[in-house]
PDB file of N, CA and C in Angstrom:
ATOM      1  N   UNK A   1       8.787-173.142   5.287  1.00  0.00           N
ATOM      2  CA  UNK A   1       8.002-172.678   4.145  1.00  0.00           C
ATOM      3  C   UNK A   1       7.966-171.025   4.199  1.00  0.00           C
ATOM      4  N   UNK A   2       8.325-170.387   3.138  1.00  0.00           N
ATOM      5  CA  UNK A   2       8.279-168.935   3.233  1.00  0.00           C
ATOM      6  C   UNK A   2       6.817-168.500   3.227  1.00  0.00           C
ATOM      7  N   UNK A   3       6.635-167.198   3.632  1.00  0.00           N
ATOM      8  CA  UNK A   3       5.311-166.602   3.697  1.00  0.00           C
ATOM      9  C   UNK A   3       4.721-166.592   2.320  1.00  0.00           C
ATOM     10  N   UNK A   4       5.420-166.341   1.204  1.00  0.00           N
ATOM     11  CA  UNK A   4       4.852-166.388  -0.223  1.00  0.00           C
ATOM     12  C   UNK A   4       4.324-167.810  -0.468  1.00  0.00           C
ATOM     13  N   UNK A   5       5.182-168.789  -0.024  1.00  0.00           N
ATOM     14  CA  UNK A   5       4.785-170.146  -0.362  1.00  0.00           C
ATOM     15  C   UNK A   5       3.512-170.594   0.557  1.00  0.00           C
ATOM     16  N   UNK A   6       3.466-170.004   1.681  1.00  0.00           N
ATOM     17  CA  UNK A   6       2.240-170.297   2.457  1.00  0.00           C
ATOM     18  C   UNK A   6       0.994-169.714   1.781  1.00  0.00           C
ATOM     19  N   UNK A   7       1.123-168.562   1.320  1.00  0.00           N
ATOM     20  CA  UNK A   7      -0.013-167.884   0.534  1.00  0.00           C
ATOM     21  C   UNK A   7      -0.444-168.700  -0.706  1.00  0.00           C
ATOM     22  N   UNK A   8       0.586-169.108  -1.529  1.00  0.00           N
ATOM     23  CA  UNK A   8       0.436-169.992  -2.655  1.00  0.00           C
ATOM     24  C   UNK A   8      -0.273-171.262  -2.240  1.00  0.00           C
ATOM     25  N   UNK A   9       0.192-171.801  -1.202  1.00  0.00           N
ATOM     26  CA  UNK A   9      -0.397-173.175  -0.761  1.00  0.00           C
ATOM     27  C   UNK A   9      -1.819-172.891  -0.246  1.00  0.00           C
ATOM     28  N   UNK A  10      -2.038-171.878   0.390  1.00  0.00           N
ATOM     29  CA  UNK A  10      -3.390-171.524   0.913  1.00  0.00           C
ATOM     30  C   UNK A  10      -4.357-171.337  -0.298  1.00  0.00           C
ATOM     31  N   UNK A  11      -3.908-170.579  -1.286  1.00  0.00           N
ATOM     32  CA  UNK A  11      -4.675-170.333  -2.488  1.00  0.00           C
ATOM     33  C   UNK A  11      -4.945-171.542  -3.182  1.00  0.00           C
ATOM     34  N   UNK A  12      -3.961-172.433  -3.396  1.00  0.00           N
ATOM     35  CA  UNK A  12      -4.149-173.730  -4.039  1.00  0.00           C
ATOM     36  C   UNK A  12      -5.257-174.617  -3.317  1.00  0.00           C
ATOM     37  N   UNK A  13      -5.127-174.628  -1.982  1.00  0.00           N
ATOM     38  CA  UNK A  13      -6.083-175.396  -1.173  1.00  0.00           C
ATOM     39  C   UNK A  13      -7.517-174.871  -1.343  1.00  0.00           C
ATOM     40  N   UNK A  14      -7.666-173.546  -1.276  1.00  0.00           N
ATOM     41  CA  UNK A  14      -8.945-172.946  -1.468  1.00  0.00           C
ATOM     42  C   UNK A  14      -9.544-173.116  -2.926  1.00  0.00           C
ATOM     43  N   UNK A  15      -8.657-173.103  -3.934  1.00  0.00           N
ATOM     44  CA  UNK A  15      -9.085-173.238  -5.271  1.00  0.00           C
ATOM     45  C   UNK A  15      -9.547-174.655  -5.574  1.00  0.00           C
ATOM     46  N   UNK A  16      -8.696-175.630  -4.962  1.00  0.00           N
ATOM     47  CA  UNK A  16      -9.028-177.056  -5.089  1.00  0.00           C
ATOM     48  C   UNK A  16     -10.320-177.435  -4.453  1.00  0.00           C
ATOM     49  N   UNK A  17     -10.644-176.710  -3.463  1.00  0.00           N
ATOM     50  CA  UNK A  17     -12.008-176.861  -2.771  1.00  0.00           C
ATOM     51  C   UNK A  17     -13.139-176.307  -3.455  1.00  0.00           C
ATOM     52  N   UNK A  18     -12.963-175.715  -4.671  1.00  0.00           N
ATOM     53  CA  UNK A  18     -13.966-175.125  -5.552  1.00  0.00           C
ATOM     54  C   UNK A  18     -14.249-173.684  -5.289  1.00  0.00           C
ATOM     55  N   UNK A  19     -13.520-173.103  -4.469  1.00  0.00           N
ATOM     56  CA  UNK A  19     -13.750-171.608  -4.266  1.00  0.00           C
ATOM     57  C   UNK A  19     -12.644-170.692  -4.910  1.00  0.00           C
ATOM     58  N   UNK A  20     -12.979-169.404  -5.206  1.00  0.00           N
ATOM     59  CA  UNK A  20     -12.056-168.540  -5.709  1.00  0.00           C
ATOM     60  C   UNK A  20     -11.244-167.921  -4.559  1.00  0.00           C
ATOM     61  N   UNK A  21      -9.841-168.078  -4.621  1.00  0.00           N
ATOM     62  CA  UNK A  21      -9.033-167.575  -3.565  1.00  0.00           C
ATOM     63  C   UNK A  21      -9.174-165.968  -3.529  1.00  0.00           C
ATOM     64  N   UNK A  22      -9.396-165.542  -2.298  1.00  0.00           N
ATOM     65  CA  UNK A  22      -9.526-164.090  -2.120  1.00  0.00           C
ATOM     66  C   UNK A  22      -8.665-163.699  -0.959  1.00  0.00           C
ATOM     67  N   UNK A  23      -8.389-162.396  -0.793  1.00  0.00           N
ATOM     68  CA  UNK A  23      -7.556-162.044   0.283  1.00  0.00           C
ATOM     69  C   UNK A  23      -8.163-162.462   1.658  1.00  0.00           C
ATOM     70  N   UNK A  24      -9.397-162.335   1.860  1.00  0.00           N
ATOM     71  CA  UNK A  24      -9.988-162.785   3.170  1.00  0.00           C
ATOM     72  C   UNK A  24      -9.879-164.267   3.374  1.00  0.00           C
ATOM     73  N   UNK A  25     -10.153-165.089   2.253  1.00  0.00           N
ATOM     74  CA  UNK A  25     -10.062-166.527   2.494  1.00  0.00           C
ATOM     75  C   UNK A  25      -8.684-167.039   2.666  1.00  0.00           C
ATOM     76  N   UNK A  26      -7.722-166.425   2.002  1.00  0.00           N
ATOM     77  CA  UNK A  26      -6.304-166.760   2.218  1.00  0.00           C
ATOM     78  C   UNK A  26      -5.785-166.238   3.648  1.00  0.00           C
ATOM     79  N   UNK A  27      -6.216-165.160   3.998  1.00  0.00           N
ATOM     80  CA  UNK A  27      -5.808-164.664   5.293  1.00  0.00           C
ATOM     81  C   UNK A  27      -6.470-165.522   6.438  1.00  0.00           C
ATOM     82  N   UNK A  28      -7.728-165.875   6.235  1.00  0.00           N
ATOM     83  CA  UNK A  28      -8.340-166.767   7.227  1.00  0.00           C
ATOM     84  C   UNK A  28      -7.726-168.148   7.295  1.00  0.00           C
ATOM     85  N   UNK A  29      -7.322-168.613   6.156  1.00  0.00           N
ATOM     86  CA  UNK A  29      -6.781-169.961   6.065  1.00  0.00           C
ATOM     87  C   UNK A  29      -5.400-170.023   6.742  1.00  0.00           C
ATOM     88  N   UNK A  30      -4.568-168.785   6.671  1.00  0.00           N
ATOM     89  CA  UNK A  30      -3.305-168.751   7.353  1.00  0.00           C
ATOM     90  C   UNK A  30      -3.341-168.099   8.783  1.00  0.00           C
ATOM     91  N   UNK A  31      -4.572-167.867   9.200  1.00  0.00           N
ATOM     92  CA  UNK A  31      -4.549-167.299  10.473  1.00  0.00           C
ATOM     93  C   UNK A  31      -4.177-165.936  10.717  1.00  0.00           C
ATOM     94  N   UNK A  32      -4.058-165.115   9.589  1.00  0.00           N
ATOM     95  CA  UNK A  32      -3.652-163.720   9.671  1.00  0.00           C
ATOM     96  C   UNK A  32      -2.195-163.505  10.055  1.00  0.00           C
ATOM     97  N   UNK A  33      -1.336-164.436   9.906  1.00  0.00           N
ATOM     98  CA  UNK A  33       0.042-164.277  10.451  1.00  0.00           C
ATOM     99  C   UNK A  33       0.906-163.707   9.254  1.00  0.00           C
ATOM    100  N   UNK A  34       0.399-163.641   8.045  1.00  0.00           N
ATOM    101  CA  UNK A  34       1.139-163.149   6.942  1.00  0.00           C
ATOM    102  C   UNK A  34       0.807-161.773   6.618  1.00  0.00           C
ATOM    103  N   UNK A  35       1.956-160.853   6.543  1.00  0.00           N
ATOM    104  CA  UNK A  35       1.693-159.462   6.361  1.00  0.00           C
ATOM    105  C   UNK A  35       0.916-159.188   5.009  1.00  0.00           C
ATOM    106  N   UNK A  36       0.115-158.125   5.045  1.00  0.00           N
ATOM    107  CA  UNK A  36      -0.722-157.927   3.823  1.00  0.00           C
ATOM    108  C   UNK A  36       0.030-157.692   2.534  1.00  0.00           C
ATOM    109  N   UNK A  37       1.151-157.035   2.534  1.00  0.00           N
ATOM    110  CA  UNK A  37       1.841-156.878   1.170  1.00  0.00           C
ATOM    111  C   UNK A  37       2.209-158.316   0.673  1.00  0.00           C
ATOM    112  N   UNK A  38       2.596-159.341   1.547  1.00  0.00           N
ATOM    113  CA  UNK A  38       2.986-160.582   1.118  1.00  0.00           C
ATOM    114  C   UNK A  38       1.723-161.287   0.685  1.00  0.00           C
ATOM    115  N   UNK A  39       0.557-161.206   1.352  1.00  0.00           N
ATOM    116  CA  UNK A  39      -0.687-161.823   0.925  1.00  0.00           C
ATOM    117  C   UNK A  39      -1.090-161.333  -0.558  1.00  0.00           C
ATOM    118  N   UNK A  40      -0.926-160.036  -0.800  1.00  0.00           N
ATOM    119  CA  UNK A  40      -1.271-159.496  -2.124  1.00  0.00           C
ATOM    120  C   UNK A  40      -0.314-160.041  -3.173  1.00  0.00           C
ATOM    121  N   UNK A  41       1.027-160.027  -2.807  1.00  0.00           N
ATOM    122  CA  UNK A  41       1.966-160.569  -3.734  1.00  0.00           C
ATOM    123  C   UNK A  41       1.703-162.019  -4.062  1.00  0.00           C
ATOM    124  N   UNK A  42       1.466-162.809  -2.987  1.00  0.00           N
ATOM    125  CA  UNK A  42       1.334-164.197  -3.227  1.00  0.00           C
ATOM    126  C   UNK A  42      -0.003-164.579  -3.983  1.00  0.00           C
ATOM    127  N   UNK A  43      -1.044-163.761  -3.688  1.00  0.00           N
ATOM    128  CA  UNK A  43      -2.316-164.087  -4.476  1.00  0.00           C
ATOM    129  C   UNK A  43      -2.143-163.670  -5.857  1.00  0.00           C
ATOM    130  N   UNK A  44      -1.364-162.535  -6.150  1.00  0.00           N
ATOM    131  CA  UNK A  44      -1.233-162.147  -7.562  1.00  0.00           C
ATOM    132  C   UNK A  44      -0.347-163.229  -8.326  1.00  0.00           C
ATOM    133  N   UNK A  45       0.659-163.824  -7.558  1.00  0.00           N
ATOM    134  CA  UNK A  45       1.338-164.812  -8.250  1.00  0.00           C
ATOM    135  C   UNK A  45       0.505-166.037  -8.540  1.00  0.00           C
ATOM    136  N   UNK A  46      -0.332-166.448  -7.540  1.00  0.00           N
ATOM    137  CA  UNK A  46      -1.217-167.670  -7.765  1.00  0.00           C
ATOM    138  C   UNK A  46      -2.039-167.437  -8.942  1.00  0.00           C
ATOM    139  N   UNK A  47      -2.774-166.240  -9.046  1.00  0.00           N
ATOM    140  CA  UNK A  47      -3.590-165.914 -10.158  1.00  0.00           C
ATOM    141  C   UNK A  47      -2.925-166.007 -11.492  1.00  0.00           C
ATOM    142  N   UNK A  48      -1.577-165.823 -11.581  1.00  0.00           N
ATOM    143  CA  UNK A  48      -0.786-165.787 -12.661  1.00  0.00           C
ATOM    144  C   UNK A  48      -0.478-167.187 -13.137  1.00  0.00           C
ATOM    145  N   UNK A  49      -0.567-168.230 -12.278  1.00  0.00           N
ATOM    146  CA  UNK A  49      -0.153-169.608 -12.496  1.00  0.00           C
ATOM    147  C   UNK A  49      -1.323-170.329 -13.189  1.00  0.00           C
ATOM    148  N   UNK A  50      -1.005-170.942 -14.357  1.00  0.00           N
ATOM    149  CA  UNK A  50      -2.135-171.826 -15.023  1.00  0.00           C
ATOM    150  C   UNK A  50      -2.571-172.937 -14.120  1.00  0.00           C
ATOM    151  N   UNK A  51      -3.903-173.246 -14.259  1.00  0.00           N
ATOM    152  CA  UNK A  51      -4.367-174.271 -13.429  1.00  0.00           C
ATOM    153  C   UNK A  51      -3.662-175.686 -13.630  1.00  0.00           C
ATOM    154  N   UNK A  52      -3.133-175.983 -14.732  1.00  0.00           N
ATOM    155  CA  UNK A  52      -2.404-177.232 -14.934  1.00  0.00           C
ATOM    156  C   UNK A  52      -0.973-177.221 -14.217  1.00  0.00           C
ATOM    157  N   UNK A  53      -0.610-176.131 -13.779  1.00  0.00           N
ATOM    158  CA  UNK A  53       0.699-176.001 -12.954  1.00  0.00           C
ATOM    159  C   UNK A  53       0.566-176.012 -11.545  1.00  0.00           C
ATOM    160  N   UNK A  54      -0.680-176.036 -11.040  1.00  0.00           N
ATOM    161  CA  UNK A  54      -0.979-175.960  -9.579  1.00  0.00           C
ATOM    162  C   UNK A  54      -0.313-177.049  -8.778  1.00  0.00           C
ATOM    163  N   UNK A  55      -0.096-178.254  -9.367  1.00  0.00           N
ATOM    164  CA  UNK A  55       0.504-179.330  -8.707  1.00  0.00           C
ATOM    165  C   UNK A  55       1.977-179.111  -8.404  1.00  0.00           C
ATOM    166  N   UNK A  56       2.573-178.074  -8.984  1.00  0.00           N
ATOM    167  CA  UNK A  56       3.878-177.746  -8.593  1.00  0.00           C
ATOM    168  C   UNK A  56       3.997-176.870  -7.383  1.00  0.00           C
ATOM    169  N   UNK A  57       2.920-176.286  -6.925  1.00  0.00           N
ATOM    170  CA  UNK A  57       2.871-175.539  -5.717  1.00  0.00           C
ATOM    171  C   UNK A  57       3.019-176.396  -4.465  1.00  0.00           C
ATOM    172  N   UNK A  58       3.482-175.840  -3.396  1.00  0.00           N
ATOM    173  CA  UNK A  58       3.542-176.545  -2.153  1.00  0.00           C
ATOM    174  C   UNK A  58       2.172-176.794  -1.548  1.00  0.00           C
ATOM    175  N   UNK A  59       2.070-177.838  -0.744  1.00  0.00           N
ATOM    176  CA  UNK A  59       0.778-178.162  -0.197  1.00  0.00           C
ATOM    177  C   UNK A  59       0.779-177.339   1.225  1.00  0.00           C
ATOM    178  N   UNK A  60      -0.453-177.184   1.639  1.00  0.00           N
ATOM    179  CA  UNK A  60      -0.709-176.231   2.775  1.00  0.00           C
ATOM    180  C   UNK A  60      -0.494-176.960   4.065  1.00  0.00           C
ATOM    181  N   UNK A  61      -0.403-178.252   4.222  1.00  0.00           N
ATOM    182  CA  UNK A  61      -0.331-179.126   5.383  1.00  0.00           C
ATOM    183  C   UNK A  61       0.667-178.565   6.417  1.00  0.00           C
ATOM    184  N   UNK A  62       1.963-178.397   5.957  1.00  0.00           N
ATOM    185  CA  UNK A  62       3.051-177.847   6.805  1.00  0.00           C
ATOM    186  C   UNK A  62       2.798-176.493   7.244  1.00  0.00           C
ATOM    187  N   UNK A  63       2.224-175.673   6.421  1.00  0.00           N
ATOM    188  CA  UNK A  63       1.965-174.294   6.793  1.00  0.00           C
ATOM    189  C   UNK A  63       0.848-174.244   7.865  1.00  0.00           C
ATOM    190  N   UNK A  64      -0.163-175.040   7.674  1.00  0.00           N
ATOM    191  CA  UNK A  64      -1.267-174.973   8.605  1.00  0.00           C
ATOM    192  C   UNK A  64      -0.789-175.635  10.076  1.00  0.00           C
ATOM    193  N   UNK A  65       0.047-176.578   9.909  1.00  0.00           N
ATOM    194  CA  UNK A  65       0.512-177.198  11.222  1.00  0.00           C
ATOM    195  C   UNK A  65       1.192-176.190  12.063  1.00  0.00           C
ATOM    196  N   UNK A  66       1.983-175.314  11.442  1.00  0.00           N
ATOM    197  CA  UNK A  66       2.710-174.278  12.289  1.00  0.00           C
ATOM    198  C   UNK A  66       1.798-173.174  12.839  1.00  0.00           C
ATOM    199  N   UNK A  67       0.554-173.006  12.271  1.00  0.00           N
ATOM    200  CA  UNK A  67      -0.338-171.922  12.744  1.00  0.00           C
ATOM    201  C   UNK A  67      -1.468-172.374  13.492  1.00  0.00           C
ATOM    202  N   UNK A  68      -1.641-173.681  13.667  1.00  0.00           N
ATOM    203  CA  UNK A  68      -2.784-174.270  14.334  1.00  0.00           C
ATOM    204  C   UNK A  68      -2.840-173.780  15.801  1.00  0.00           C
ATOM    205  N   UNK A  69      -1.893-173.757  16.537  1.00  0.00           N
ATOM    206  CA  UNK A  69      -1.952-173.227  17.914  1.00  0.00           C
ATOM    207  C   UNK A  69      -2.396-171.869  18.060  1.00  0.00           C
ATOM    208  N   UNK A  70      -1.864-170.891  17.214  1.00  0.00           N
ATOM    209  CA  UNK A  70      -2.303-169.551  17.147  1.00  0.00           C
ATOM    210  C   UNK A  70      -3.756-169.337  16.747  1.00  0.00           C
ATOM    211  N   UNK A  71      -4.082-170.158  15.684  1.00  0.00           N
ATOM    212  CA  UNK A  71      -5.494-170.142  15.229  1.00  0.00           C
ATOM    213  C   UNK A  71      -6.407-170.444  16.344  1.00  0.00           C
ATOM    214  N   UNK A  72      -6.079-171.496  17.049  1.00  0.00           N
ATOM    215  CA  UNK A  72      -6.906-171.988  18.168  1.00  0.00           C
ATOM    216  C   UNK A  72      -7.099-170.881  19.328  1.00  0.00           C
ATOM    217  N   UNK A  73      -5.803-170.378  19.624  1.00  0.00           N
ATOM    218  CA  UNK A  73      -5.909-169.349  20.705  1.00  0.00           C
ATOM    219  C   UNK A  73      -6.640-168.141  20.247  1.00  0.00           C
ATOM    220  N   UNK A  74      -6.461-167.808  18.954  1.00  0.00           N
ATOM    221  CA  UNK A  74      -7.220-166.613  18.449  1.00  0.00           C
ATOM    222  C   UNK A  74      -8.650-166.873  18.460  1.00  0.00           C
ATOM    223  N   UNK A  75      -9.127-168.007  18.192  1.00  0.00           N
ATOM    224  CA  UNK A  75     -10.466-168.449  18.173  1.00  0.00           C
ATOM    225  C   UNK A  75     -11.012-168.374  19.538  1.00  0.00           C
ATOM    226  N   UNK A  76     -10.328-168.856  20.577  1.00  0.00           N
ATOM    227  CA  UNK A  76     -10.716-168.852  22.011  1.00  0.00           C
ATOM    228  C   UNK A  76     -10.858-167.409  22.455  1.00  0.00           C
ATOM    229  N   UNK A  77      -9.881-166.467  22.007  1.00  0.00           N
ATOM    230  CA  UNK A  77      -9.903-165.093  22.473  1.00  0.00           C
ATOM    231  C   UNK A  77     -11.228-164.443  21.852  1.00  0.00           C
ATOM    232  N   UNK A  78     -11.410-164.795  20.613  1.00  0.00           N
ATOM    233  CA  UNK A  78     -12.548-164.223  19.935  1.00  0.00           C
ATOM    234  C   UNK A  78     -13.920-164.598  20.651  1.00  0.00           C
ATOM    235  N   UNK A  79     -13.988-165.978  21.037  1.00  0.00           N
ATOM    236  CA  UNK A  79     -15.155-166.514  21.616  1.00  0.00           C
ATOM    237  C   UNK A  79     -15.334-165.826  23.058  1.00  0.00           C
ATOM    238  N   UNK A  80     -14.259-165.648  23.707  1.00  0.00           N
ATOM    239  CA  UNK A  80     -14.470-164.921  25.060  1.00  0.00           C
ATOM    240  C   UNK A  80     -14.954-163.572  24.851  1.00  0.00           C
ATOM    241  N   UNK A  81     -14.367-162.871  23.876  1.00  0.00           N
ATOM    242  CA  UNK A  81     -14.931-161.377  23.714  1.00  0.00           C
ATOM    243  C   UNK A  81     -16.265-161.429  23.317  1.00  0.00           C
ATOM    244  N   UNK A  82     -16.734-162.292  22.444  1.00  0.00           N
ATOM    245  CA  UNK A  82     -18.007-162.331  21.953  1.00  0.00           C
ATOM    246  C   UNK A  82     -19.105-162.719  23.170  1.00  0.00           C
ATOM    247  N   UNK A  83     -18.494-163.766  23.900  1.00  0.00           N
ATOM    248  CA  UNK A  83     -19.406-164.033  25.131  1.00  0.00           C
ATOM    249  C   UNK A  83     -19.578-162.876  26.063  1.00  0.00           C
ATOM    250  N   UNK A  84     -18.457-162.123  26.323  1.00  0.00           N
ATOM    251  CA  UNK A  84     -18.507-160.960  27.187  1.00  0.00           C
ATOM    252  C   UNK A  84     -19.440-159.902  26.633  1.00  0.00           C
ATOM    253  N   UNK A  85     -19.402-159.665  25.317  1.00  0.00           N
ATOM    254  CA  UNK A  85     -20.202-158.710  24.734  1.00  0.00           C
ATOM    255  C   UNK A  85     -21.802-159.161  24.705  1.00  0.00           C
ATOM    256  N   UNK A  86     -21.857-160.472  24.529  1.00  0.00           N
ATOM    257  CA  UNK A  86     -23.348-160.987  24.620  1.00  0.00           C
ATOM    258  C   UNK A  86     -23.813-160.764  26.020  1.00  0.00           C
ATOM    259  N   UNK A  87     -23.094-161.045  27.027  1.00  0.00           N
ATOM    260  CA  UNK A  87     -23.452-160.819  28.411  1.00  0.00           C
ATOM    261  C   UNK A  87     -23.763-159.373  28.711  1.00  0.00           C
ATOM    262  N   UNK A  88     -23.043-158.491  28.139  1.00  0.00           N
ATOM    263  CA  UNK A  88     -23.218-157.043  28.445  1.00  0.00           C
ATOM    264  C   UNK A  88     -24.503-156.725  27.747  1.00  0.00           C
ATOM    265  N   UNK A  89     -24.722-157.110  26.495  1.00  0.00           N
ATOM    266  CA  UNK A  89     -25.979-156.810  25.800  1.00  0.00           C
ATOM    267  C   UNK A  89     -27.143-157.418  26.524  1.00  0.00           C
ATOM    268  N   UNK A  90     -27.107-158.619  27.031  1.00  0.00           N
ATOM    269  CA  UNK A  90     -28.234-159.188  27.747  1.00  0.00           C
ATOM    270  C   UNK A  90     -28.449-158.400  29.022  1.00  0.00           C
ATOM    271  N   UNK A  91     -27.466-158.001  29.734  1.00  0.00           N
ATOM    272  CA  UNK A  91     -27.682-157.117  30.968  1.00  0.00           C
ATOM    273  C   UNK A  91     -28.434-155.780  30.602  1.00  0.00           C
ATOM    274  N   UNK A  92     -27.899-155.162  29.533  1.00  0.00           N
ATOM    275  CA  UNK A  92     -28.546-153.878  29.046  1.00  0.00           C
ATOM    276  C   UNK A  92     -29.944-154.145  28.679  1.00  0.00           C
ATOM    277  N   UNK A  93     -30.255-155.188  27.937  1.00  0.00           N
ATOM    278  CA  UNK A  93     -31.545-155.517  27.607  1.00  0.00           C
ATOM    279  C   UNK A  93     -32.486-155.760  28.761  1.00  0.00           C
ATOM    280  N   UNK A  94     -32.024-156.549  29.729  1.00  0.00           N
ATOM    281  CA  UNK A  94     -32.767-156.776  30.837  1.00  0.00           C
ATOM    282  C   UNK A  94     -33.076-155.515  31.730  1.00  0.00           C
ATOM    283  N   UNK A  95     -32.036-154.573  31.761  1.00  0.00           N
ATOM    284  CA  UNK A  95     -32.300-153.294  32.425  1.00  0.00           C
ATOM    285  C   UNK A  95     -33.408-152.468  31.682  1.00  0.00           C
ATOM    286  N   UNK A  96     -33.294-152.561  30.415  1.00  0.00           N
ATOM    287  CA  UNK A  96     -34.369-151.757  29.648  1.00  0.00           C
ATOM    288  C   UNK A  96     -35.814-152.375  29.796  1.00  0.00           C
ATOM    289  N   UNK A  97     -35.848-153.651  29.832  1.00  0.00           N
ATOM    290  CA  UNK A  97     -37.099-154.305  30.074  1.00  0.00           C
ATOM    291  C   UNK A  97     -37.624-153.957  31.410  1.00  0.00           C
ATOM    292  N   UNK A  98     -36.745-153.977  32.459  1.00  0.00           N
ATOM    293  CA  UNK A  98     -37.254-153.509  33.818  1.00  0.00           C
ATOM    294  C   UNK A  98     -37.684-152.077  33.839  1.00  0.00           C
ATOM    295  N   UNK A  99     -37.032-151.188  33.111  1.00  0.00           N
ATOM    296  CA  UNK A  99     -37.505-149.960  33.096  1.00  0.00           C
ATOM    297  C   UNK A  99     -38.861-149.782  32.442  1.00  0.00           C
ATOM    298  N   UNK A 100     -38.928-150.354  31.298  1.00  0.00           N
ATOM    299  CA  UNK A 100     -40.359-150.520  30.611  1.00  0.00           C
ATOM    300  C   UNK A 100     -41.451-151.065  31.476  1.00  0.00           C
ATOM    301  N   UNK A 101     -41.154-152.120  32.228  1.00  0.00           N
ATOM    302  CA  UNK A 101     -42.124-152.798  33.110  1.00  0.00           C
ATOM    303  C   UNK A 101     -42.495-151.656  34.184  1.00  0.00           C
ATOM    304  N   UNK A 102     -41.533-150.959  34.698  1.00  0.00           N
ATOM    305  CA  UNK A 102     -41.781-149.982  35.767  1.00  0.00           C
ATOM    306  C   UNK A 102     -42.751-148.833  35.176  1.00  0.00           C
ATOM    307  N   UNK A 103     -42.302-148.426  33.952  1.00  0.00           N
ATOM    308  CA  UNK A 103     -43.060-147.381  33.353  1.00  0.00           C
ATOM    309  C   UNK A 103     -44.500-147.756  33.053  1.00  0.00           C
ATOM    310  N   UNK A 104     -44.666-149.007  32.647  1.00  0.00           N
ATOM    311  CA  UNK A 104     -45.974-149.530  32.431  1.00  0.00           C
ATOM    312  C   UNK A 104     -46.832-149.598  33.681  1.00  0.00           C
ATOM    313  N   UNK A 105     -46.186-150.067  34.782  1.00  0.00           N
ATOM    314  CA  UNK A 105     -46.933-150.069  36.039  1.00  0.00           C
ATOM    315  C   UNK A 105     -47.280-148.620  36.452  1.00  0.00           C
ATOM    316  N   UNK A 106     -46.442-147.613  36.197  1.00  0.00           N
ATOM    317  CA  UNK A 106     -46.769-146.305  36.561  1.00  0.00           C
ATOM    318  C   UNK A 106     -47.951-145.833  35.741  1.00  0.00           C
ATOM    319  N   UNK A 107     -47.921-146.092  34.411  1.00  0.00           N
ATOM    320  CA  UNK A 107     -49.107-145.664  33.700  1.00  0.00           C
ATOM    321  C   UNK A 107     -50.385-146.378  33.979  1.00  0.00           C
ATOM    322  N   UNK A 108     -50.299-147.565  34.348  1.00  0.00           N
ATOM    323  CA  UNK A 108     -51.507-148.305  34.815  1.00  0.00           C
ATOM    324  C   UNK A 108     -52.056-147.749  36.042  1.00  0.00           C
ATOM    325  N   UNK A 109     -51.206-147.408  37.056  1.00  0.00           N
ATOM    326  CA  UNK A 109     -51.644-146.721  38.297  1.00  0.00           C
ATOM    327  C   UNK A 109     -52.246-145.355  37.907  1.00  0.00           C
ATOM    328  N   UNK A 110     -51.524-144.559  36.996  1.00  0.00           N
ATOM    329  CA  UNK A 110     -52.166-143.309  36.707  1.00  0.00           C
ATOM    330  C   UNK A 110     -53.603-143.404  36.108  1.00  0.00           C
ATOM    331  N   UNK A 111     -53.712-144.454  35.256  1.00  0.00           N
ATOM    332  CA  UNK A 111     -55.006-144.742  34.537  1.00  0.00           C
ATOM    333  C   UNK A 111     -56.037-145.170  35.615  1.00  0.00           C
ATOM    334  N   UNK A 112     -55.621-146.018  36.502  1.00  0.00           N
ATOM    335  CA  UNK A 112     -56.593-146.413  37.614  1.00  0.00           C
ATOM    336  C   UNK A 112     -57.068-145.204  38.333  1.00  0.00           C
ATOM    337  N   UNK A 113     -56.109-144.346  38.739  1.00  0.00           N
ATOM    338  CA  UNK A 113     -56.512-143.173  39.497  1.00  0.00           C
ATOM    339  C   UNK A 113     -57.388-142.269  38.693  1.00  0.00           C
ATOM    340  N   UNK A 114     -57.153-142.168  37.471  1.00  0.00           N
ATOM    341  CA  UNK A 114     -58.021-141.199  36.689  1.00  0.00           C
ATOM    342  C   UNK A 114     -59.432-141.798  36.554  1.00  0.00           C
ATOM    343  N   UNK A 115     -59.502-143.150  36.427  1.00  0.00           N
ATOM    344  CA  UNK A 115     -60.770-143.792  36.299  1.00  0.00           C
ATOM    345  C   UNK A 115     -61.566-143.659  37.569  1.00  0.00           C
ATOM    346  N   UNK A 116     -60.874-143.787  38.731  1.00  0.00           N
ATOM    347  CA  UNK A 116     -61.416-143.702  40.067  1.00  0.00           C
ATOM    348  C   UNK A 116     -61.956-142.303  40.321  1.00  0.00           C
ATOM    349  N   UNK A 117     -61.310-141.243  39.757  1.00  0.00           N
ATOM    350  CA  UNK A 117     -61.708-139.891  39.979  1.00  0.00           C
ATOM    351  C   UNK A 117     -62.816-139.415  39.156  1.00  0.00           C
ATOM    352  N   UNK A 118     -63.230-140.224  38.081  1.00  0.00           N
ATOM    353  CA  UNK A 118     -64.343-139.802  37.249  1.00  0.00           C
ATOM    354  C   UNK A 118     -65.587-140.177  37.763  1.00  0.00           C
TER     355      UNK A 118
END
């Protein structure tokens, strides 16, 4: 299946599911493997096709089967990156909480000293 046919098939699937095909939806459906100019061209072609002629368009099944492994590996890579970012943010948050607790303790000690000296 050519890249244009993949775009048309993805747009058809999106439309049949009740959504308006957009660049983002088509790109997401195809796993980002189709170059942007071909996405634009295919989406423009799809929008020019009357709804009653959609049945002549190819189905997405074949196109998706060929992209599933890359979609899965891309998802796993994104998940790993997000988990690493979350861990980094958690560590930074805990460090800031510890600094605030230390500062609170210092202020409490200063206040106690001031009250004792009065």
